[in-house]
Amino acid sequence: GLLPPGFPSYQKGLNDEYQGYDPEKAKSLLEAAGYPGGKGFPVVTLWHKTYEPSLPKTAQIVQQMLKQNLGITVELKPATTKFFHSSLVEGLIDFGVHNWQYEYLDPSNFLTIFVPELGRHKDWNDSEYNRLIKAANASPNQAERLSMYTHADSLISRDYAASFLYHMGNAQMWKPYIKGIPMTDLGTQNVVYYFLGMHKIYKAGK
């Protein structure tokens, strides 16, 4: 699903039925649609942003996998971030590699972007999803709102508003005596490199 592991409202395995990797099932569905082995299927354009190396690489991997597994030809369309986002809002992107970085540790920061009037994604519009997100955003009951977000995450996966490929993560290693590293607004602990230049070192007892 859209929510990463360990995030509030995330439930492991909830969306595997809809978003699991199954090339053989994809082949059978493609054949049932009249395109055995991808024969006769139109060329697909895959947009991607270029501001970081992972996005073109992801697009290339998707291109290769669709060709290898399904016989579908994909043409890549690189775009600046500004042009990509404006084209997305205008509904010009049918197929694109898009990433999202949350600003705070709450499901609303992920899921609200798929409500047409509240986010960038305009082409998918589900009344039940929209209702759940708006109700959860307004609810003062934390347990209720997290339950609604979980349901919404399942809906967006079921309807294939997007295919969720991976969740990025960062790793750091600290010596055992390093203590007291503060929690960030994103709910993580890390030593930012510029702290070292400012001599902001964390040690036991300090």
Foldseek 3Di string as FASTA:
>chain_A
DQDDPPAQLDDPPLLCVQQPDDLVVVQVVCVVVPQHLNPPPDEAEEEWEDPDPVTVVVVVVVQVCCCVRRVHHYHYDYDHPVVVLVCQQVVNDPHYDDDDDFDARDLLSRLVQCDQVRHSHNPDHDPLLNVLSVCLVPDPDVVSSSNSSNVSVNVCSNVCPDRDDDDDDDDDDDDPFFDDFDQDRHRDGDDDVVCVVVVVTGGPPD
